[in-house]
Amino acid sequence: MALLAMTTTVNTQNGATINTFAIGNGDSIKAVVLRKKMCAGAYMLRQENLSLTIPDGTQTTFTLTAGVGPEPIGTQRYSSRPPATMVVQQGGGVEEENWVEGVNFTITGRVITFIPNFVGTNKVATISYSYYDPSAANLVYDAPVYPSNTKGVIKLGGYDLVVWNEGILAQEVKSWVTAGTANGVIEALVTDA
């Protein structure tokens, strides 16, 4: 018998936990270990005052230097987080403007695309945006789970399988792939490996 613990990662855009596991092709899942408590999600963090010096002239894009910012912002943009904001000054003595993601600029990873071009000399910008703490070690498992009415679901080979851990509904699932994902209620799987 082998215990397959979940490897948990965090989606920095929406705070969702992603549980993955590796399993041998042909191994059988004998039992499911359910969590006693669940995690409601990751903590949202806000990066303040990330100061940028934009090259002189007309710029349509700007790439953040690796290691400068926190987590890169994904293409989901602000569907699951507040929009980023940017205070820009398009030259010395020019009045500062407040730009909003989706209106004045977009961000994909470390690339900022300016919707009205960023024009001028001695240009500076301060960008602030929110993201979720990517460290799975910082997740807090504090929401009670009641195993008698909780459904464990794993995904193998593109199929969602409901797995039970006790009683007449208990079953064995023989894996036909070598990796899968599980919903948050599953802490580990017991296999015949």
N, C-alpha and C. Protein backbone atom coordinates (compact mmCIF):
# COMPACT_ATOMS: atom_id res chain seq x y z
N MET A 1 0.85 -1.18 0.00
CA MET A 1 0.00 0.00 0.00
C MET A 1 0.89 1.24 0.00
N ALA A 2 0.39 2.28 -0.66
CA ALA A 2 1.12 3.55 -0.72
C ALA A 2 0.14 4.68 -0.45
N LEU A 3 0.64 5.70 0.22
CA LEU A 3 -0.15 6.89 0.51
C LEU A 3 0.30 7.99 -0.45
N LEU A 4 -0.63 8.47 -1.28
CA LEU A 4 -0.32 9.53 -2.22
C LEU A 4 -0.88 10.84 -1.69
N ALA A 5 -0.01 11.65 -1.12
CA ALA A 5 -0.45 12.96 -0.62
C ALA A 5 -0.62 13.91 -1.79
N MET A 6 -1.50 14.87 -1.63
CA MET A 6 -1.73 15.87 -2.67
C MET A 6 -0.59 16.89 -2.67
N THR A 7 -0.21 17.34 -3.85
CA THR A 7 0.70 18.48 -3.98
C THR A 7 -0.18 19.67 -4.29
N THR A 8 -0.19 20.63 -3.37
CA THR A 8 -1.08 21.78 -3.50
C THR A 8 -0.34 22.99 -4.02
N THR A 9 -0.90 23.61 -5.03
CA THR A 9 -0.40 24.89 -5.54
C THR A 9 -1.55 25.88 -5.50
N VAL A 10 -1.24 27.16 -5.68
CA VAL A 10 -2.24 28.22 -5.59
C VAL A 10 -2.28 28.99 -6.90
N ASN A 11 -3.47 29.21 -7.42
CA ASN A 11 -3.65 30.07 -8.58
C ASN A 11 -3.57 31.51 -8.09
N THR A 12 -2.55 32.25 -8.53
CA THR A 12 -2.32 33.61 -8.03
C THR A 12 -3.37 34.59 -8.51
N GLN A 13 -4.17 34.21 -9.50
CA GLN A 13 -5.19 35.11 -10.03
C GLN A 13 -6.52 35.02 -9.31
N ASN A 14 -6.89 33.83 -8.82
CA ASN A 14 -8.20 33.70 -8.16
C ASN A 14 -8.13 33.06 -6.78
N GLY A 15 -6.94 32.68 -6.31
CA GLY A 15 -6.78 32.13 -4.97
C GLY A 15 -7.19 30.68 -4.83
N ALA A 16 -7.60 30.04 -5.92
CA ALA A 16 -8.03 28.64 -5.85
C ALA A 16 -6.85 27.72 -5.59
N THR A 17 -7.09 26.72 -4.77
CA THR A 17 -6.06 25.71 -4.54
C THR A 17 -6.19 24.63 -5.60
N ILE A 18 -5.06 24.15 -6.08
CA ILE A 18 -5.02 23.11 -7.11
C ILE A 18 -4.27 21.93 -6.52
N ASN A 19 -4.94 20.79 -6.39
CA ASN A 19 -4.35 19.59 -5.80
C ASN A 19 -4.04 18.57 -6.90
N THR A 20 -2.77 18.21 -7.01
CA THR A 20 -2.37 17.24 -8.02
C THR A 20 -1.70 16.04 -7.35
N PHE A 21 -1.67 14.92 -8.07
CA PHE A 21 -0.99 13.74 -7.55
C PHE A 21 -0.45 12.93 -8.72
N ALA A 22 0.56 12.14 -8.45
CA ALA A 22 1.14 11.23 -9.44
C ALA A 22 0.82 9.81 -9.01
N ILE A 23 0.42 8.99 -9.96
CA ILE A 23 0.02 7.63 -9.66
C ILE A 23 0.55 6.71 -10.75
N GLY A 24 0.81 5.48 -10.41
CA GLY A 24 1.29 4.52 -11.41
C GLY A 24 0.17 4.08 -12.33
N ASN A 25 0.46 3.96 -13.60
CA ASN A 25 -0.54 3.48 -14.56
C ASN A 25 -0.90 2.04 -14.18
N GLY A 26 -2.17 1.81 -13.92
CA GLY A 26 -2.62 0.48 -13.52
C GLY A 26 -2.76 0.31 -12.02
N ASP A 27 -2.27 1.28 -11.22
CA ASP A 27 -2.45 1.20 -9.77
C ASP A 27 -3.92 1.38 -9.42
N SER A 28 -4.36 0.73 -8.34
CA SER A 28 -5.73 0.88 -7.88
C SER A 28 -5.79 1.80 -6.68
N ILE A 29 -6.78 2.68 -6.69
CA ILE A 29 -7.03 3.55 -5.53
C ILE A 29 -7.93 2.75 -4.59
N LYS A 30 -7.39 2.41 -3.42
CA LYS A 30 -8.10 1.56 -2.46
C LYS A 30 -8.96 2.36 -1.48
N ALA A 31 -8.50 3.58 -1.14
CA ALA A 31 -9.23 4.38 -0.17
C ALA A 31 -8.90 5.86 -0.38
N VAL A 32 -9.71 6.69 0.22
CA VAL A 32 -9.56 8.14 0.13
C VAL A 32 -9.40 8.69 1.54
N VAL A 33 -8.42 9.55 1.73
CA VAL A 33 -8.24 10.21 3.02
C VAL A 33 -8.84 11.61 2.89
N LEU A 34 -9.90 11.86 3.66
CA LEU A 34 -10.56 13.17 3.61
C LEU A 34 -9.97 14.11 4.65
N ARG A 35 -9.99 15.38 4.33
CA ARG A 35 -9.49 16.39 5.27
C ARG A 35 -10.49 16.56 6.41
N LYS A 36 -9.95 16.84 7.58
CA LYS A 36 -10.81 17.17 8.72
C LYS A 36 -11.29 18.60 8.61
N LYS A 37 -10.42 19.45 8.00
CA LYS A 37 -10.76 20.86 7.80
C LYS A 37 -10.29 21.29 6.42
N MET A 38 -11.04 22.20 5.82
CA MET A 38 -10.74 22.71 4.49
C MET A 38 -10.16 24.11 4.58
N CYS A 39 -9.60 24.53 3.44
CA CYS A 39 -9.07 25.88 3.32
C CYS A 39 -10.05 26.68 2.47
N ALA A 40 -10.41 27.85 2.95
CA ALA A 40 -11.36 28.69 2.20
C ALA A 40 -10.70 29.29 0.97
N GLY A 41 -9.39 29.39 0.95
CA GLY A 41 -8.68 29.98 -0.19
C GLY A 41 -7.45 30.72 0.27
N ALA A 42 -6.70 31.21 -0.67
CA ALA A 42 -5.45 31.90 -0.35
C ALA A 42 -5.73 33.34 0.05
N TYR A 43 -4.76 33.93 0.71
CA TYR A 43 -4.86 35.34 1.10
C TYR A 43 -4.52 36.22 -0.09
N MET A 44 -5.29 37.31 -0.24
CA MET A 44 -4.98 38.27 -1.29
C MET A 44 -3.92 39.24 -0.77
N LEU A 45 -2.93 39.48 -1.60
CA LEU A 45 -1.86 40.41 -1.27
C LEU A 45 -1.91 41.57 -2.25
N ARG A 46 -1.47 42.73 -1.84
CA ARG A 46 -1.42 43.88 -2.73
C ARG A 46 0.00 44.39 -2.79
N GLN A 47 0.50 44.56 -4.01
CA GLN A 47 1.83 45.11 -4.21
C GLN A 47 1.68 46.62 -4.32
N GLU A 48 2.34 47.35 -3.46
CA GLU A 48 2.24 48.80 -3.47
C GLU A 48 3.51 49.43 -4.03
N ASN A 49 3.32 50.49 -4.77
CA ASN A 49 4.42 51.35 -5.19
C ASN A 49 5.56 50.63 -5.89
N LEU A 50 5.23 49.87 -6.91
CA LEU A 50 6.25 49.29 -7.78
C LEU A 50 6.59 50.39 -8.78
N SER A 51 7.73 51.04 -8.58
CA SER A 51 8.10 52.21 -9.37
C SER A 51 8.81 51.80 -10.66
N LEU A 52 8.36 52.37 -11.78
CA LEU A 52 8.92 52.05 -13.08
C LEU A 52 9.45 53.32 -13.75
N THR A 53 10.56 53.19 -14.44
CA THR A 53 11.06 54.27 -15.28
C THR A 53 10.89 53.82 -16.72
N ILE A 54 9.97 54.47 -17.42
CA ILE A 54 9.62 54.09 -18.79
C ILE A 54 10.56 54.83 -19.75
N PRO A 55 11.12 54.14 -20.75
CA PRO A 55 12.03 54.81 -21.69
C PRO A 55 11.37 56.01 -22.36
N ASP A 56 12.18 57.02 -22.68
CA ASP A 56 11.68 58.23 -23.34
C ASP A 56 11.12 57.91 -24.72
N GLY A 57 10.28 58.79 -25.21
CA GLY A 57 9.67 58.61 -26.52
C GLY A 57 8.29 58.01 -26.39
N THR A 58 7.80 57.45 -27.47
CA THR A 58 6.47 56.82 -27.50
C THR A 58 6.64 55.34 -27.24
N GLN A 59 5.97 54.85 -26.19
CA GLN A 59 6.06 53.44 -25.83
C GLN A 59 4.68 52.82 -25.88
N THR A 60 4.58 51.66 -26.56
CA THR A 60 3.31 50.93 -26.57
C THR A 60 3.32 49.82 -25.53
N THR A 61 4.51 49.31 -25.17
CA THR A 61 4.61 48.26 -24.17
C THR A 61 5.81 48.53 -23.26
N PHE A 62 5.80 47.88 -22.11
CA PHE A 62 6.92 47.93 -21.18
C PHE A 62 6.98 46.57 -20.50
N THR A 63 8.18 46.01 -20.39
CA THR A 63 8.34 44.70 -19.77
C THR A 63 9.02 44.86 -18.41
N LEU A 64 8.36 44.34 -17.38
CA LEU A 64 8.94 44.37 -16.04
C LEU A 64 10.16 43.46 -16.00
N THR A 65 11.20 43.90 -15.36
CA THR A 65 12.41 43.09 -15.21
C THR A 65 12.09 41.90 -14.31
N ALA A 66 12.57 40.73 -14.68
CA ALA A 66 12.35 39.54 -13.85
C ALA A 66 12.86 39.79 -12.44
N GLY A 67 12.05 39.44 -11.47
CA GLY A 67 12.45 39.63 -10.09
C GLY A 67 12.06 40.98 -9.52
N VAL A 68 11.58 41.88 -10.38
CA VAL A 68 11.21 43.22 -9.91
C VAL A 68 9.86 43.19 -9.20
N GLY A 69 8.89 42.59 -9.86
CA GLY A 69 7.54 42.58 -9.29
C GLY A 69 7.27 41.32 -8.53
N PRO A 70 6.09 41.25 -7.94
CA PRO A 70 5.69 39.99 -7.28
C PRO A 70 5.22 39.01 -8.34
N GLU A 71 4.15 38.31 -8.11
CA GLU A 71 3.66 37.35 -9.07
C GLU A 71 3.21 38.04 -10.35
N PRO A 72 3.56 37.51 -11.51
CA PRO A 72 3.05 38.10 -12.75
C PRO A 72 1.53 38.01 -12.81
N ILE A 73 0.91 39.01 -13.41
CA ILE A 73 -0.53 39.01 -13.56
C ILE A 73 -0.89 38.22 -14.80
N GLY A 74 -1.87 37.36 -14.69
CA GLY A 74 -2.26 36.54 -15.82
C GLY A 74 -3.26 37.22 -16.73
N THR A 75 -3.61 36.56 -17.80
CA THR A 75 -4.52 37.14 -18.78
C THR A 75 -5.96 37.19 -18.29
N GLN A 76 -6.26 36.57 -17.14
CA GLN A 76 -7.61 36.66 -16.60
C GLN A 76 -7.92 38.09 -16.16
N ARG A 77 -6.90 38.85 -15.99
CA ARG A 77 -6.98 40.22 -15.52
C ARG A 77 -7.85 40.31 -14.29
N TYR A 78 -8.76 41.24 -14.26
CA TYR A 78 -9.48 41.53 -13.04
C TYR A 78 -10.82 40.82 -12.95
N SER A 79 -10.97 39.67 -13.61
CA SER A 79 -12.20 38.91 -13.45
C SER A 79 -12.30 38.33 -12.04
N SER A 80 -11.17 38.08 -11.42
CA SER A 80 -11.19 37.50 -10.08
C SER A 80 -10.34 38.28 -9.10
N ARG A 81 -9.90 39.45 -9.47
CA ARG A 81 -9.15 40.31 -8.56
C ARG A 81 -9.44 41.76 -8.96
N PRO A 82 -9.18 42.71 -8.07
CA PRO A 82 -9.39 44.11 -8.44
C PRO A 82 -8.44 44.52 -9.57
N PRO A 83 -8.86 45.47 -10.42
CA PRO A 83 -7.97 45.90 -11.49
C PRO A 83 -6.74 46.59 -10.93
N ALA A 84 -5.63 46.47 -11.65
CA ALA A 84 -4.40 47.17 -11.26
C ALA A 84 -4.59 48.65 -11.53
N THR A 85 -3.87 49.47 -10.80
CA THR A 85 -3.90 50.91 -11.02
C THR A 85 -2.48 51.39 -11.26
N MET A 86 -2.35 52.49 -11.98
CA MET A 86 -1.03 53.03 -12.29
C MET A 86 -1.10 54.55 -12.24
N VAL A 87 -0.18 55.14 -11.49
CA VAL A 87 -0.03 56.59 -11.49
C VAL A 87 1.10 56.89 -12.47
N VAL A 88 0.80 57.67 -13.51
CA VAL A 88 1.79 57.95 -14.54
C VAL A 88 2.07 59.44 -14.64
N GLN A 89 3.31 59.75 -14.99
CA GLN A 89 3.70 61.12 -15.29
C GLN A 89 4.48 61.05 -16.59
N GLN A 90 3.93 61.63 -17.65
CA GLN A 90 4.49 61.48 -18.98
C GLN A 90 5.55 62.53 -19.29
N GLY A 91 6.22 63.02 -18.27
CA GLY A 91 7.32 63.97 -18.47
C GLY A 91 7.45 64.89 -17.28
N GLY A 92 8.66 65.49 -17.15
CA GLY A 92 8.90 66.41 -16.05
C GLY A 92 7.96 67.60 -16.12
N GLY A 93 7.34 67.96 -15.00
CA GLY A 93 6.43 69.10 -14.95
C GLY A 93 5.03 68.80 -15.46
N VAL A 94 4.82 67.60 -16.00
CA VAL A 94 3.50 67.22 -16.50
C VAL A 94 2.68 66.67 -15.33
N GLU A 95 1.41 66.97 -15.34
CA GLU A 95 0.53 66.52 -14.26
C GLU A 95 0.42 64.99 -14.24
N GLU A 96 0.37 64.42 -13.05
CA GLU A 96 0.20 62.98 -12.91
C GLU A 96 -1.22 62.57 -13.30
N GLU A 97 -1.34 61.36 -13.84
CA GLU A 97 -2.64 60.80 -14.20
C GLU A 97 -2.81 59.46 -13.51
N ASN A 98 -4.05 59.11 -13.22
CA ASN A 98 -4.36 57.80 -12.65
C ASN A 98 -4.94 56.93 -13.76
N TRP A 99 -4.21 55.85 -14.09
CA TRP A 99 -4.65 54.93 -15.14
C TRP A 99 -5.18 53.66 -14.48
N VAL A 100 -6.13 53.01 -15.15
CA VAL A 100 -6.77 51.81 -14.64
C VAL A 100 -6.61 50.69 -15.66
N GLU A 101 -6.29 49.51 -15.14
CA GLU A 101 -6.16 48.32 -16.00
C GLU A 101 -7.47 48.06 -16.74
N GLY A 102 -7.35 47.73 -18.00
CA GLY A 102 -8.52 47.48 -18.82
C GLY A 102 -9.02 48.71 -19.54
N VAL A 103 -8.67 49.89 -19.03
CA VAL A 103 -9.06 51.14 -19.66
C VAL A 103 -7.84 51.79 -20.31
N ASN A 104 -6.77 51.96 -19.52
CA ASN A 104 -5.56 52.64 -20.00
C ASN A 104 -4.41 51.70 -20.30
N PHE A 105 -4.46 50.49 -19.76
CA PHE A 105 -3.38 49.53 -20.00
C PHE A 105 -3.86 48.13 -19.69
N THR A 106 -3.14 47.15 -20.20
CA THR A 106 -3.39 45.76 -19.86
C THR A 106 -2.07 45.15 -19.41
N ILE A 107 -2.16 44.06 -18.65
CA ILE A 107 -0.96 43.37 -18.18
C ILE A 107 -1.12 41.89 -18.49
N THR A 108 -0.09 41.33 -19.10
CA THR A 108 -0.04 39.88 -19.31
C THR A 108 1.33 39.43 -18.86
N GLY A 109 1.37 38.67 -17.77
CA GLY A 109 2.67 38.27 -17.22
C GLY A 109 3.43 39.49 -16.77
N ARG A 110 4.58 39.73 -17.37
CA ARG A 110 5.39 40.89 -17.01
C ARG A 110 5.33 42.01 -18.06
N VAL A 111 4.43 41.86 -19.05
CA VAL A 111 4.34 42.86 -20.13
C VAL A 111 3.14 43.76 -19.91
N ILE A 112 3.40 45.06 -19.82
CA ILE A 112 2.35 46.06 -19.72
C ILE A 112 2.15 46.64 -21.12
N THR A 113 0.91 46.63 -21.59
CA THR A 113 0.59 47.23 -22.89
C THR A 113 -0.24 48.48 -22.62
N PHE A 114 0.26 49.62 -23.08
CA PHE A 114 -0.42 50.89 -22.88
C PHE A 114 -1.45 51.08 -23.98
N ILE A 115 -2.71 51.35 -23.61
CA ILE A 115 -3.76 51.52 -24.60
C ILE A 115 -3.65 52.90 -25.24
N PRO A 116 -3.59 54.02 -24.48
CA PRO A 116 -3.05 55.21 -25.13
C PRO A 116 -1.54 55.10 -24.95
N ASN A 117 -0.77 55.33 -25.98
CA ASN A 117 0.69 55.21 -25.85
C ASN A 117 1.22 56.08 -24.73
N PHE A 118 2.29 55.62 -24.11
CA PHE A 118 2.96 56.38 -23.05
C PHE A 118 3.98 57.26 -23.77
N VAL A 119 3.77 58.59 -23.76
CA VAL A 119 4.56 59.51 -24.56
C VAL A 119 5.23 60.55 -23.67
N GLY A 120 6.50 60.86 -23.96
CA GLY A 120 7.15 61.96 -23.27
C GLY A 120 8.58 61.64 -22.90
N THR A 121 9.16 62.50 -22.06
CA THR A 121 10.52 62.33 -21.56
C THR A 121 10.50 62.27 -20.05
N ASN A 122 11.54 61.66 -19.47
CA ASN A 122 11.63 61.50 -18.00
C ASN A 122 10.34 60.92 -17.43
N LYS A 123 9.87 59.84 -18.04
CA LYS A 123 8.58 59.26 -17.67
C LYS A 123 8.73 58.29 -16.50
N VAL A 124 7.82 58.39 -15.56
CA VAL A 124 7.80 57.47 -14.43
C VAL A 124 6.38 56.97 -14.22
N ALA A 125 6.27 55.80 -13.63
CA ALA A 125 4.96 55.24 -13.30
C ALA A 125 5.07 54.45 -12.02
N THR A 126 4.02 54.44 -11.25
CA THR A 126 3.92 53.61 -10.05
C THR A 126 2.72 52.71 -10.24
N ILE A 127 2.94 51.41 -10.22
CA ILE A 127 1.85 50.46 -10.45
C ILE A 127 1.55 49.68 -9.18
N SER A 128 0.28 49.44 -8.93
CA SER A 128 -0.16 48.65 -7.79
C SER A 128 -1.18 47.63 -8.28
N TYR A 129 -1.05 46.40 -7.83
CA TYR A 129 -2.04 45.39 -8.19
C TYR A 129 -2.10 44.32 -7.13
N SER A 130 -3.20 43.59 -7.16
CA SER A 130 -3.45 42.53 -6.19
C SER A 130 -3.21 41.18 -6.81
N TYR A 131 -2.81 40.23 -5.99
CA TYR A 131 -2.68 38.84 -6.41
C TYR A 131 -2.81 38.00 -5.15
N TYR A 132 -2.93 36.70 -5.32
CA TYR A 132 -3.07 35.81 -4.17
C TYR A 132 -1.73 35.21 -3.80
N ASP A 133 -1.52 35.04 -2.50
CA ASP A 133 -0.29 34.46 -1.98
C ASP A 133 -0.06 33.10 -2.64
N PRO A 134 1.05 32.94 -3.38
CA PRO A 134 1.27 31.69 -4.11
C PRO A 134 1.83 30.55 -3.27
N SER A 135 2.17 30.82 -2.01
CA SER A 135 2.79 29.79 -1.17
C SER A 135 1.73 28.89 -0.54
N ALA A 136 1.71 27.63 -0.95
CA ALA A 136 0.74 26.68 -0.38
C ALA A 136 0.98 26.48 1.11
N ALA A 137 2.21 26.71 1.58
CA ALA A 137 2.50 26.55 3.01
C ALA A 137 1.76 27.58 3.86
N ASN A 138 1.32 28.68 3.26
CA ASN A 138 0.62 29.73 4.00
C ASN A 138 -0.90 29.54 4.01
N LEU A 139 -1.41 28.50 3.35
CA LEU A 139 -2.85 28.24 3.38
C LEU A 139 -3.27 27.86 4.79
N VAL A 140 -4.47 28.29 5.17
CA VAL A 140 -4.99 27.99 6.50
C VAL A 140 -6.19 27.06 6.35
N TYR A 141 -6.07 25.87 6.93
CA TYR A 141 -7.14 24.88 6.88
C TYR A 141 -7.95 25.00 8.17
N ASP A 142 -9.06 25.75 8.10
CA ASP A 142 -9.82 26.04 9.30
C ASP A 142 -11.34 25.88 9.14
N ALA A 143 -11.80 25.47 7.97
CA ALA A 143 -13.24 25.28 7.77
C ALA A 143 -13.57 23.81 7.97
N PRO A 144 -14.46 23.48 8.92
CA PRO A 144 -14.76 22.08 9.22
C PRO A 144 -15.31 21.31 8.01
N VAL A 145 -14.95 20.03 7.94
CA VAL A 145 -15.45 19.13 6.90
C VAL A 145 -16.21 18.01 7.60
N TYR A 146 -17.34 17.63 7.04
CA TYR A 146 -18.14 16.55 7.60
C TYR A 146 -18.10 15.40 6.60
N PRO A 147 -17.26 14.39 6.83
CA PRO A 147 -17.05 13.31 5.85
C PRO A 147 -18.31 12.59 5.44
N SER A 148 -19.32 12.51 6.31
CA SER A 148 -20.52 11.75 5.97
C SER A 148 -21.30 12.36 4.82
N ASN A 149 -21.13 13.67 4.57
CA ASN A 149 -21.88 14.27 3.47
C ASN A 149 -20.96 15.02 2.50
N THR A 150 -19.71 14.61 2.44
CA THR A 150 -18.74 15.27 1.57
C THR A 150 -18.39 14.36 0.42
N LYS A 151 -18.33 14.94 -0.76
CA LYS A 151 -18.05 14.17 -1.96
C LYS A 151 -16.61 14.43 -2.41
N GLY A 152 -15.82 13.36 -2.50
CA GLY A 152 -14.48 13.48 -3.03
C GLY A 152 -14.51 13.27 -4.54
N VAL A 153 -13.83 14.14 -5.27
CA VAL A 153 -13.80 14.02 -6.72
C VAL A 153 -12.35 14.08 -7.18
N ILE A 154 -11.97 13.12 -8.03
CA ILE A 154 -10.65 13.16 -8.66
C ILE A 154 -10.86 13.22 -10.16
N LYS A 155 -9.88 13.79 -10.85
CA LYS A 155 -9.93 13.85 -12.31
C LYS A 155 -8.78 13.02 -12.83
N LEU A 156 -9.12 11.99 -13.61
CA LEU A 156 -8.13 11.12 -14.25
C LEU A 156 -8.41 11.11 -15.75
N GLY A 157 -7.41 11.43 -16.53
CA GLY A 157 -7.57 11.36 -17.98
C GLY A 157 -8.71 12.19 -18.52
N GLY A 158 -9.00 13.32 -17.88
CA GLY A 158 -10.07 14.19 -18.35
C GLY A 158 -11.45 13.85 -17.82
N TYR A 159 -11.58 12.79 -17.00
CA TYR A 159 -12.87 12.38 -16.46
C TYR A 159 -12.95 12.68 -14.98
N ASP A 160 -14.08 13.22 -14.52
CA ASP A 160 -14.33 13.44 -13.10
C ASP A 160 -14.89 12.16 -12.50
N LEU A 161 -14.22 11.64 -11.47
CA LEU A 161 -14.67 10.42 -10.80
C LEU A 161 -15.01 10.75 -9.35
N VAL A 162 -16.19 10.35 -8.92
CA VAL A 162 -16.58 10.50 -7.53
C VAL A 162 -16.00 9.33 -6.77
N VAL A 163 -15.26 9.61 -5.70
CA VAL A 163 -14.65 8.54 -4.92
C VAL A 163 -15.13 8.65 -3.47
N TRP A 164 -15.52 7.52 -2.91
CA TRP A 164 -16.03 7.46 -1.54
C TRP A 164 -15.01 6.71 -0.70
N ASN A 165 -15.07 6.94 0.59
CA ASN A 165 -14.07 6.31 1.45
C ASN A 165 -14.63 5.24 2.38
N GLU A 166 -15.93 5.04 2.37
CA GLU A 166 -16.46 4.06 3.31
C GLU A 166 -17.83 3.57 2.88
N GLY A 167 -18.25 2.48 3.48
CA GLY A 167 -19.61 1.98 3.29
C GLY A 167 -19.85 1.31 1.96
N ILE A 168 -21.12 1.16 1.64
CA ILE A 168 -21.52 0.43 0.46
C ILE A 168 -21.08 1.11 -0.84
N LEU A 169 -20.84 2.42 -0.77
CA LEU A 169 -20.43 3.15 -1.97
C LEU A 169 -18.92 3.12 -2.19
N ALA A 170 -18.18 2.52 -1.25
CA ALA A 170 -16.73 2.45 -1.43
C ALA A 170 -16.40 1.66 -2.68
N GLN A 171 -15.37 2.09 -3.37
CA GLN A 171 -15.00 1.42 -4.62
C GLN A 171 -13.49 1.50 -4.82
N GLU A 172 -13.03 0.73 -5.77
CA GLU A 172 -11.64 0.82 -6.19
C GLU A 172 -11.63 1.35 -7.61
N VAL A 173 -10.70 2.27 -7.87
CA VAL A 173 -10.54 2.82 -9.21
C VAL A 173 -9.16 2.44 -9.70
N LYS A 174 -9.10 1.78 -10.85
CA LYS A 174 -7.81 1.41 -11.44
C LYS A 174 -7.40 2.54 -12.37
N SER A 175 -6.24 3.10 -12.13
CA SER A 175 -5.78 4.25 -12.92
C SER A 175 -5.32 3.83 -14.30
N TRP A 176 -5.72 4.60 -15.29
CA TRP A 176 -5.27 4.37 -16.66
C TRP A 176 -4.34 5.48 -17.14
N VAL A 177 -4.00 6.41 -16.20
CA VAL A 177 -3.06 7.50 -16.49
C VAL A 177 -2.07 7.60 -15.32
N THR A 178 -1.12 8.50 -15.40
CA THR A 178 -0.09 8.58 -14.36
C THR A 178 -0.17 9.85 -13.52
N ALA A 179 -1.16 10.69 -13.74
CA ALA A 179 -1.30 11.91 -12.95
C ALA A 179 -2.77 12.31 -12.92
N GLY A 180 -3.13 13.05 -11.89
CA GLY A 180 -4.51 13.51 -11.79
C GLY A 180 -4.61 14.69 -10.84
N THR A 181 -5.83 15.18 -10.70
CA THR A 181 -6.11 16.26 -9.75
C THR A 181 -7.24 15.81 -8.84
N ALA A 182 -7.38 16.49 -7.71
CA ALA A 182 -8.43 16.15 -6.75
C ALA A 182 -9.02 17.42 -6.18
N ASN A 183 -10.30 17.34 -5.79
CA ASN A 183 -10.88 18.52 -5.15
C ASN A 183 -10.29 18.68 -3.75
N GLY A 184 -10.55 19.83 -3.14
CA GLY A 184 -9.90 20.20 -1.89
C GLY A 184 -10.20 19.33 -0.70
N VAL A 185 -11.28 18.55 -0.74
CA VAL A 185 -11.64 17.73 0.41
C VAL A 185 -10.74 16.51 0.54
N ILE A 186 -10.07 16.13 -0.55
CA ILE A 186 -9.20 14.95 -0.51
C ILE A 186 -7.79 15.35 -0.08
N GLU A 187 -7.32 14.75 1.00
CA GLU A 187 -5.98 15.03 1.49
C GLU A 187 -4.96 14.06 0.90
N ALA A 188 -5.39 12.81 0.69
CA ALA A 188 -4.48 11.80 0.15
C ALA A 188 -5.29 10.63 -0.41
N LEU A 189 -4.61 9.82 -1.21
CA LEU A 189 -5.20 8.60 -1.75
C LEU A 189 -4.35 7.42 -1.26
N VAL A 190 -4.99 6.29 -1.02
CA VAL A 190 -4.28 5.07 -0.66
C VAL A 190 -4.37 4.14 -1.86
N THR A 191 -3.20 3.70 -2.35
CA THR A 191 -3.18 2.84 -3.54
C THR A 191 -2.56 1.49 -3.21
N ASP A 192 -2.61 0.58 -4.17
CA ASP A 192 -2.04 -0.75 -3.97
C ASP A 192 -0.58 -0.83 -4.40
N ALA A 193 0.03 0.31 -4.72
CA ALA A 193 1.44 0.31 -5.19
C ALA A 193 2.40 -0.14 -4.10
